[in-house]
Amino acid sequence: MPRFLLAVVLLGIVIYLTIRMIQRRGEGGGGRGFGRRPVAPDDDPKFLRDLDAQLWEQQQRERQHEQRDEPPAT
């Protein structure tokens, strides 16, 4: 009976390690070249960079608008 349990445990370990090896090989990026894509917009560096640029441009427009509306200093 102990030999049978030992054989089952060893078989389980071998199967587990084989599956892990196959999974790691799939994550390696070989083959199709599809990388992990961001799940949400706030995970995407390009989205954040564009958002920051839009915010900066909006602030610049508001500053220019405020400068035009100020009366000349005397």
PDB file of N, CA and C in Angstrom:
ATOM      1  N   MET A   1       0.814  -1.201   0.000  1.00  0.00           N
ATOM      2  CA  MET A   1       0.000   0.000   0.000  1.00  0.00           C
ATOM      3  C   MET A   1       0.858   1.266   0.000  1.00  0.00           C
ATOM      4  N   PRO A   2       1.933   1.366   0.835  1.00  0.00           N
ATOM      5  CA  PRO A   2       2.767   2.569   0.807  1.00  0.00           C
ATOM      6  C   PRO A   2       3.456   2.766  -0.546  1.00  0.00           C
ATOM      7  N   ARG A   3       3.825   1.677  -1.214  1.00  0.00           N
ATOM      8  CA  ARG A   3       4.447   1.807  -2.526  1.00  0.00           C
ATOM      9  C   ARG A   3       3.468   2.387  -3.535  1.00  0.00           C
ATOM     10  N   PHE A   4       2.226   1.983  -3.436  1.00  0.00           N
ATOM     11  CA  PHE A   4       1.196   2.498  -4.338  1.00  0.00           C
ATOM     12  C   PHE A   4       1.016   4.004  -4.122  1.00  0.00           C
ATOM     13  N   LEU A   5       0.946   4.449  -2.864  1.00  0.00           N
ATOM     14  CA  LEU A   5       0.798   5.879  -2.566  1.00  0.00           C
ATOM     15  C   LEU A   5       2.019   6.655  -3.043  1.00  0.00           C
ATOM     16  N   LEU A   6       3.188   6.108  -2.846  1.00  0.00           N
ATOM     17  CA  LEU A   6       4.409   6.759  -3.303  1.00  0.00           C
ATOM     18  C   LEU A   6       4.406   6.895  -4.829  1.00  0.00           C
ATOM     19  N   ALA A   7       3.970   5.857  -5.507  1.00  0.00           N
ATOM     20  CA  ALA A   7       3.901   5.891  -6.967  1.00  0.00           C
ATOM     21  C   ALA A   7       2.897   6.950  -7.437  1.00  0.00           C
ATOM     22  N   VAL A   8       1.751   7.060  -6.753  1.00  0.00           N
ATOM     23  CA  VAL A   8       0.732   8.057  -7.126  1.00  0.00           C
ATOM     24  C   VAL A   8       1.280   9.467  -6.897  1.00  0.00           C
ATOM     25  N   VAL A   9       1.953   9.686  -5.770  1.00  0.00           N
ATOM     26  CA  VAL A   9       2.522  11.002  -5.476  1.00  0.00           C
ATOM     27  C   VAL A   9       3.591  11.358  -6.504  1.00  0.00           C
ATOM     28  N   LEU A  10       4.472  10.438  -6.816  1.00  0.00           N
ATOM     29  CA  LEU A  10       5.515  10.706  -7.806  1.00  0.00           C
ATOM     30  C   LEU A  10       4.927  10.973  -9.190  1.00  0.00           C
ATOM     31  N   LEU A  11       3.926  10.210  -9.557  1.00  0.00           N
ATOM     32  CA  LEU A  11       3.259  10.433 -10.841  1.00  0.00           C
ATOM     33  C   LEU A  11       2.613  11.824 -10.870  1.00  0.00           C
ATOM     34  N   GLY A  12       1.997  12.215  -9.770  1.00  0.00           N
ATOM     35  CA  GLY A  12       1.391  13.540  -9.685  1.00  0.00           C
ATOM     36  C   GLY A  12       2.426  14.651  -9.826  1.00  0.00           C
ATOM     37  N   ILE A  13       3.577  14.468  -9.188  1.00  0.00           N
ATOM     38  CA  ILE A  13       4.644  15.469  -9.288  1.00  0.00           C
ATOM     39  C   ILE A  13       5.151  15.569 -10.720  1.00  0.00           C
ATOM     40  N   VAL A  14       5.342  14.433 -11.358  1.00  0.00           N
ATOM     41  CA  VAL A  14       5.818  14.435 -12.744  1.00  0.00           C
ATOM     42  C   VAL A  14       4.811  15.122 -13.663  1.00  0.00           C
ATOM     43  N   ILE A  15       3.545  14.824 -13.495  1.00  0.00           N
ATOM     44  CA  ILE A  15       2.506  15.458 -14.328  1.00  0.00           C
ATOM     45  C   ILE A  15       2.473  16.958 -14.069  1.00  0.00           C
ATOM     46  N   TYR A  16       2.545  17.355 -12.798  1.00  0.00           N
ATOM     47  CA  TYR A  16       2.531  18.777 -12.447  1.00  0.00           C
ATOM     48  C   TYR A  16       3.712  19.508 -13.091  1.00  0.00           C
ATOM     49  N   LEU A  17       4.903  18.960 -12.956  1.00  0.00           N
ATOM     50  CA  LEU A  17       6.081  19.608 -13.523  1.00  0.00           C
ATOM     51  C   LEU A  17       6.018  19.680 -15.043  1.00  0.00           C
ATOM     52  N   THR A  18       5.473  18.652 -15.664  1.00  0.00           N
ATOM     53  CA  THR A  18       5.327  18.656 -17.127  1.00  0.00           C
ATOM     54  C   THR A  18       4.378  19.764 -17.568  1.00  0.00           C
ATOM     55  N   ILE A  19       3.270  19.904 -16.870  1.00  0.00           N
ATOM     56  CA  ILE A  19       2.297  20.953 -17.221  1.00  0.00           C
ATOM     57  C   ILE A  19       2.907  22.338 -17.018  1.00  0.00           C
ATOM     58  N   ARG A  20       3.634  22.535 -15.924  1.00  0.00           N
ATOM     59  CA  ARG A  20       4.285  23.830 -15.662  1.00  0.00           C
ATOM     60  C   ARG A  20       5.299  24.158 -16.762  1.00  0.00           C
ATOM     61  N   MET A  21       6.049  23.175 -17.203  1.00  0.00           N
ATOM     62  CA  MET A  21       7.024  23.398 -18.256  1.00  0.00           C
ATOM     63  C   MET A  21       6.329  23.809 -19.562  1.00  0.00           C
ATOM     64  N   ILE A  22       5.243  23.155 -19.871  1.00  0.00           N
ATOM     65  CA  ILE A  22       4.493  23.488 -21.091  1.00  0.00           C
ATOM     66  C   ILE A  22       3.937  24.905 -20.997  1.00  0.00           C
ATOM     67  N   GLN A  23       3.420  25.281 -19.830  1.00  0.00           N
ATOM     68  CA  GLN A  23       2.875  26.620 -19.658  1.00  0.00           C
ATOM     69  C   GLN A  23       3.960  27.681 -19.786  1.00  0.00           C
ATOM     70  N   ARG A  24       5.106  27.445 -19.193  1.00  0.00           N
ATOM     71  CA  ARG A  24       6.196  28.420 -19.279  1.00  0.00           C
ATOM     72  C   ARG A  24       6.685  28.576 -20.705  1.00  0.00           C
ATOM     73  N   ARG A  25       6.718  27.509 -21.430  1.00  0.00           N
ATOM     74  CA  ARG A  25       7.145  27.578 -22.825  1.00  0.00           C
ATOM     75  C   ARG A  25       6.168  28.446 -23.614  1.00  0.00           C
ATOM     76  N   GLY A  26       4.885  28.375 -23.297  1.00  0.00           N
ATOM     77  CA  GLY A  26       3.880  29.196 -23.968  1.00  0.00           C
ATOM     78  C   GLY A  26       3.994  30.663 -23.627  1.00  0.00           C
ATOM     79  N   GLU A  27       4.491  30.998 -22.424  1.00  0.00           N
ATOM     80  CA  GLU A  27       4.630  32.393 -22.020  1.00  0.00           C
ATOM     81  C   GLU A  27       5.877  33.035 -22.595  1.00  0.00           C
ATOM     82  N   GLY A  28       6.763  32.261 -23.142  1.00  0.00           N
ATOM     83  CA  GLY A  28       8.046  32.758 -23.595  1.00  0.00           C
ATOM     84  C   GLY A  28       7.984  33.728 -24.750  1.00  0.00           C
ATOM     85  N   GLY A  29       6.890  33.871 -25.404  1.00  0.00           N
ATOM     86  CA  GLY A  29       6.767  34.810 -26.502  1.00  0.00           C
ATOM     87  C   GLY A  29       7.187  34.239 -27.837  1.00  0.00           C
ATOM     88  N   GLY A  30       7.579  32.997 -27.889  1.00  0.00           N
ATOM     89  CA  GLY A  30       7.956  32.400 -29.161  1.00  0.00           C
ATOM     90  C   GLY A  30       6.722  32.123 -29.998  1.00  0.00           C
ATOM     91  N   GLY A  31       6.916  32.054 -31.280  1.00  0.00           N
ATOM     92  CA  GLY A  31       5.781  31.726 -32.134  1.00  0.00           C
ATOM     93  C   GLY A  31       5.097  32.971 -32.670  1.00  0.00           C
ATOM     94  N   ARG A  32       3.924  33.241 -32.227  1.00  0.00           N
ATOM     95  CA  ARG A  32       3.096  34.289 -32.816  1.00  0.00           C
ATOM     96  C   ARG A  32       3.516  35.698 -32.423  1.00  0.00           C
ATOM     97  N   GLY A  33       4.117  35.883 -31.276  1.00  0.00           N
ATOM     98  CA  GLY A  33       4.601  37.203 -30.906  1.00  0.00           C
ATOM     99  C   GLY A  33       3.553  38.099 -30.273  1.00  0.00           C
ATOM    100  N   PHE A  34       2.450  37.551 -29.856  1.00  0.00           N
ATOM    101  CA  PHE A  34       1.455  38.362 -29.171  1.00  0.00           C
ATOM    102  C   PHE A  34       1.894  38.555 -27.734  1.00  0.00           C
ATOM    103  N   GLY A  35       2.078  39.792 -27.331  1.00  0.00           N
ATOM    104  CA  GLY A  35       2.452  40.076 -25.954  1.00  0.00           C
ATOM    105  C   GLY A  35       1.212  40.223 -25.087  1.00  0.00           C
ATOM    106  N   ARG A  36       1.446  40.327 -23.808  1.00  0.00           N
ATOM    107  CA  ARG A  36       0.317  40.579 -22.918  1.00  0.00           C
ATOM    108  C   ARG A  36      -0.172  41.986 -23.149  1.00  0.00           C
ATOM    109  N   ARG A  37      -1.439  42.126 -23.341  1.00  0.00           N
ATOM    110  CA  ARG A  37      -2.012  43.439 -23.555  1.00  0.00           C
ATOM    111  C   ARG A  37      -2.566  43.963 -22.246  1.00  0.00           C
ATOM    112  N   PRO A  38      -2.578  45.268 -22.065  1.00  0.00           N
ATOM    113  CA  PRO A  38      -3.165  45.829 -20.853  1.00  0.00           C
ATOM    114  C   PRO A  38      -4.635  45.452 -20.744  1.00  0.00           C
ATOM    115  N   VAL A  39      -5.061  45.226 -19.526  1.00  0.00           N
ATOM    116  CA  VAL A  39      -6.444  44.827 -19.287  1.00  0.00           C
ATOM    117  C   VAL A  39      -7.344  46.048 -19.213  1.00  0.00           C
ATOM    118  N   ALA A  40      -6.893  47.092 -18.563  1.00  0.00           N
ATOM    119  CA  ALA A  40      -7.680  48.306 -18.389  1.00  0.00           C
ATOM    120  C   ALA A  40      -6.898  49.488 -18.962  1.00  0.00           C
ATOM    121  N   PRO A  41      -7.594  50.590 -19.289  1.00  0.00           N
ATOM    122  CA  PRO A  41      -6.891  51.738 -19.865  1.00  0.00           C
ATOM    123  C   PRO A  41      -5.791  52.279 -18.953  1.00  0.00           C
ATOM    124  N   ASP A  42      -5.992  52.214 -17.649  1.00  0.00           N
ATOM    125  CA  ASP A  42      -4.974  52.761 -16.761  1.00  0.00           C
ATOM    126  C   ASP A  42      -3.761  51.848 -16.639  1.00  0.00           C
ATOM    127  N   ASP A  43      -3.775  50.709 -17.303  1.00  0.00           N
ATOM    128  CA  ASP A  43      -2.605  49.836 -17.367  1.00  0.00           C
ATOM    129  C   ASP A  43      -1.797  50.078 -18.642  1.00  0.00           C
ATOM    130  N   ASP A  44      -2.335  50.857 -19.542  1.00  0.00           N
ATOM    131  CA  ASP A  44      -1.714  51.076 -20.845  1.00  0.00           C
ATOM    132  C   ASP A  44      -0.859  52.346 -20.816  1.00  0.00           C
ATOM    133  N   PRO A  45       0.465  52.223 -20.932  1.00  0.00           N
ATOM    134  CA  PRO A  45       1.319  53.417 -20.874  1.00  0.00           C
ATOM    135  C   PRO A  45       1.002  54.433 -21.966  1.00  0.00           C
ATOM    136  N   LYS A  46       0.655  53.966 -23.154  1.00  0.00           N
ATOM    137  CA  LYS A  46       0.328  54.892 -24.247  1.00  0.00           C
ATOM    138  C   LYS A  46      -0.919  55.706 -23.904  1.00  0.00           C
ATOM    139  N   PHE A  47      -1.923  55.065 -23.343  1.00  0.00           N
ATOM    140  CA  PHE A  47      -3.144  55.769 -22.947  1.00  0.00           C
ATOM    141  C   PHE A  47      -2.819  56.837 -21.901  1.00  0.00           C
ATOM    142  N   LEU A  48      -2.015  56.483 -20.902  1.00  0.00           N
ATOM    143  CA  LEU A  48      -1.662  57.436 -19.850  1.00  0.00           C
ATOM    144  C   LEU A  48      -0.843  58.595 -20.409  1.00  0.00           C
ATOM    145  N   ARG A  49       0.069  58.310 -21.341  1.00  0.00           N
ATOM    146  CA  ARG A  49       0.877  59.357 -21.952  1.00  0.00           C
ATOM    147  C   ARG A  49      -0.012  60.315 -22.742  1.00  0.00           C
ATOM    148  N   ASP A  50      -0.957  59.775 -23.510  1.00  0.00           N
ATOM    149  CA  ASP A  50      -1.869  60.613 -24.286  1.00  0.00           C
ATOM    150  C   ASP A  50      -2.768  61.429 -23.362  1.00  0.00           C
ATOM    151  N   LEU A  51      -3.219  60.825 -22.280  1.00  0.00           N
ATOM    152  CA  LEU A  51      -4.073  61.525 -21.319  1.00  0.00           C
ATOM    153  C   LEU A  51      -3.314  62.688 -20.684  1.00  0.00           C
ATOM    154  N   ASP A  52      -2.056  62.460 -20.334  1.00  0.00           N
ATOM    155  CA  ASP A  52      -1.229  63.512 -19.754  1.00  0.00           C
ATOM    156  C   ASP A  52      -1.015  64.642 -20.761  1.00  0.00           C
ATOM    157  N   ALA A  53      -0.785  64.306 -22.017  1.00  0.00           N
ATOM    158  CA  ALA A  53      -0.593  65.318 -23.054  1.00  0.00           C
ATOM    159  C   ALA A  53      -1.864  66.135 -23.257  1.00  0.00           C
ATOM    160  N   GLN A  54      -3.015  65.483 -23.238  1.00  0.00           N
ATOM    161  CA  GLN A  54      -4.280  66.200 -23.389  1.00  0.00           C
ATOM    162  C   GLN A  54      -4.506  67.157 -22.224  1.00  0.00           C
ATOM    163  N   LEU A  55      -4.195  66.716 -21.011  1.00  0.00           N
ATOM    164  CA  LEU A  55      -4.357  67.565 -19.831  1.00  0.00           C
ATOM    165  C   LEU A  55      -3.435  68.775 -19.919  1.00  0.00           C
ATOM    166  N   TRP A  56      -2.190  68.554 -20.345  1.00  0.00           N
ATOM    167  CA  TRP A  56      -1.244  69.658 -20.472  1.00  0.00           C
ATOM    168  C   TRP A  56      -1.733  70.671 -21.512  1.00  0.00           C
ATOM    169  N   GLU A  57      -2.206  70.177 -22.658  1.00  0.00           N
ATOM    170  CA  GLU A  57      -2.708  71.072 -23.705  1.00  0.00           C
ATOM    171  C   GLU A  57      -3.910  71.867 -23.217  1.00  0.00           C
ATOM    172  N   GLN A  58      -4.801  71.237 -22.470  1.00  0.00           N
ATOM    173  CA  GLN A  58      -5.968  71.928 -21.943  1.00  0.00           C
ATOM    174  C   GLN A  58      -5.544  73.026 -20.967  1.00  0.00           C
ATOM    175  N   GLN A  59      -4.570  72.738 -20.116  1.00  0.00           N
ATOM    176  CA  GLN A  59      -4.087  73.747 -19.172  1.00  0.00           C
ATOM    177  C   GLN A  59      -3.434  74.913 -19.908  1.00  0.00           C
ATOM    178  N   GLN A  60      -2.706  74.619 -20.979  1.00  0.00           N
ATOM    179  CA  GLN A  60      -2.083  75.685 -21.765  1.00  0.00           C
ATOM    180  C   GLN A  60      -3.139  76.573 -22.413  1.00  0.00           C
ATOM    181  N   ARG A  61      -4.194  75.970 -22.951  1.00  0.00           N
ATOM    182  CA  ARG A  61      -5.282  76.753 -23.553  1.00  0.00           C
ATOM    183  C   ARG A  61      -5.954  77.635 -22.513  1.00  0.00           C
ATOM    184  N   GLU A  62      -6.181  77.098 -21.310  1.00  0.00           N
ATOM    185  CA  GLU A  62      -6.817  77.881 -20.247  1.00  0.00           C
ATOM    186  C   GLU A  62      -5.925  79.040 -19.826  1.00  0.00           C
ATOM    187  N   ARG A  63      -4.619  78.830 -19.745  1.00  0.00           N
ATOM    188  CA  ARG A  63      -3.699  79.908 -19.383  1.00  0.00           C
ATOM    189  C   ARG A  63      -3.696  80.998 -20.441  1.00  0.00           C
ATOM    190  N   GLN A  64      -3.692  80.611 -21.709  1.00  0.00           N
ATOM    191  CA  GLN A  64      -3.716  81.599 -22.790  1.00  0.00           C
ATOM    192  C   GLN A  64      -5.024  82.387 -22.758  1.00  0.00           C
ATOM    193  N   HIS A  65      -6.108  81.709 -22.479  1.00  0.00           N
ATOM    194  CA  HIS A  65      -7.416  82.365 -22.413  1.00  0.00           C
ATOM    195  C   HIS A  65      -7.446  83.359 -21.257  1.00  0.00           C
ATOM    196  N   GLU A  66      -6.890  82.982 -20.110  1.00  0.00           N
ATOM    197  CA  GLU A  66      -6.850  83.873 -18.951  1.00  0.00           C
ATOM    198  C   GLU A  66      -5.977  85.085 -19.232  1.00  0.00           C
ATOM    199  N   GLN A  67      -4.872  84.886 -19.938  1.00  0.00           N
ATOM    200  CA  GLN A  67      -3.971  86.001 -20.239  1.00  0.00           C
ATOM    201  C   GLN A  67      -4.623  86.990 -21.190  1.00  0.00           C
ATOM    202  N   ARG A  68      -5.442  86.529 -22.103  1.00  0.00           N
ATOM    203  CA  ARG A  68      -6.144  87.432 -23.028  1.00  0.00           C
ATOM    204  C   ARG A  68      -7.217  88.233 -22.322  1.00  0.00           C
ATOM    205  N   ASP A  69      -7.844  87.633 -21.309  1.00  0.00           N
ATOM    206  CA  ASP A  69      -8.953  88.284 -20.622  1.00  0.00           C
ATOM    207  C   ASP A  69      -8.497  89.267 -19.550  1.00  0.00           C
ATOM    208  N   GLU A  70      -7.230  89.250 -19.153  1.00  0.00           N
ATOM    209  CA  GLU A  70      -6.749  90.163 -18.107  1.00  0.00           C
ATOM    210  C   GLU A  70      -6.637  91.572 -18.668  1.00  0.00           C
ATOM    211  N   PRO A  71      -7.073  92.563 -17.894  1.00  0.00           N
ATOM    212  CA  PRO A  71      -6.900  93.949 -18.359  1.00  0.00           C
ATOM    213  C   PRO A  71      -5.417  94.351 -18.234  1.00  0.00           C
ATOM    214  N   PRO A  72      -4.974  95.259 -19.050  1.00  0.00           N
ATOM    215  CA  PRO A  72      -3.571  95.667 -18.984  1.00  0.00           C
ATOM    216  C   PRO A  72      -3.241  96.289 -17.624  1.00  0.00           C
ATOM    217  N   ALA A  73      -2.058  96.008 -17.119  1.00  0.00           N
ATOM    218  CA  ALA A  73      -1.628  96.551 -15.831  1.00  0.00           C
ATOM    219  C   ALA A  73      -1.204  97.990 -15.999  1.00  0.00           C
ATOM    220  N   THR A  74      -1.541  98.846 -15.041  1.00  0.00           N
ATOM    221  CA  THR A  74      -1.167 100.259 -15.143  1.00  0.00           C
ATOM    222  C   THR A  74      -0.149 100.636 -14.121  1.00  0.00           C
TER     223      THR A  74
END
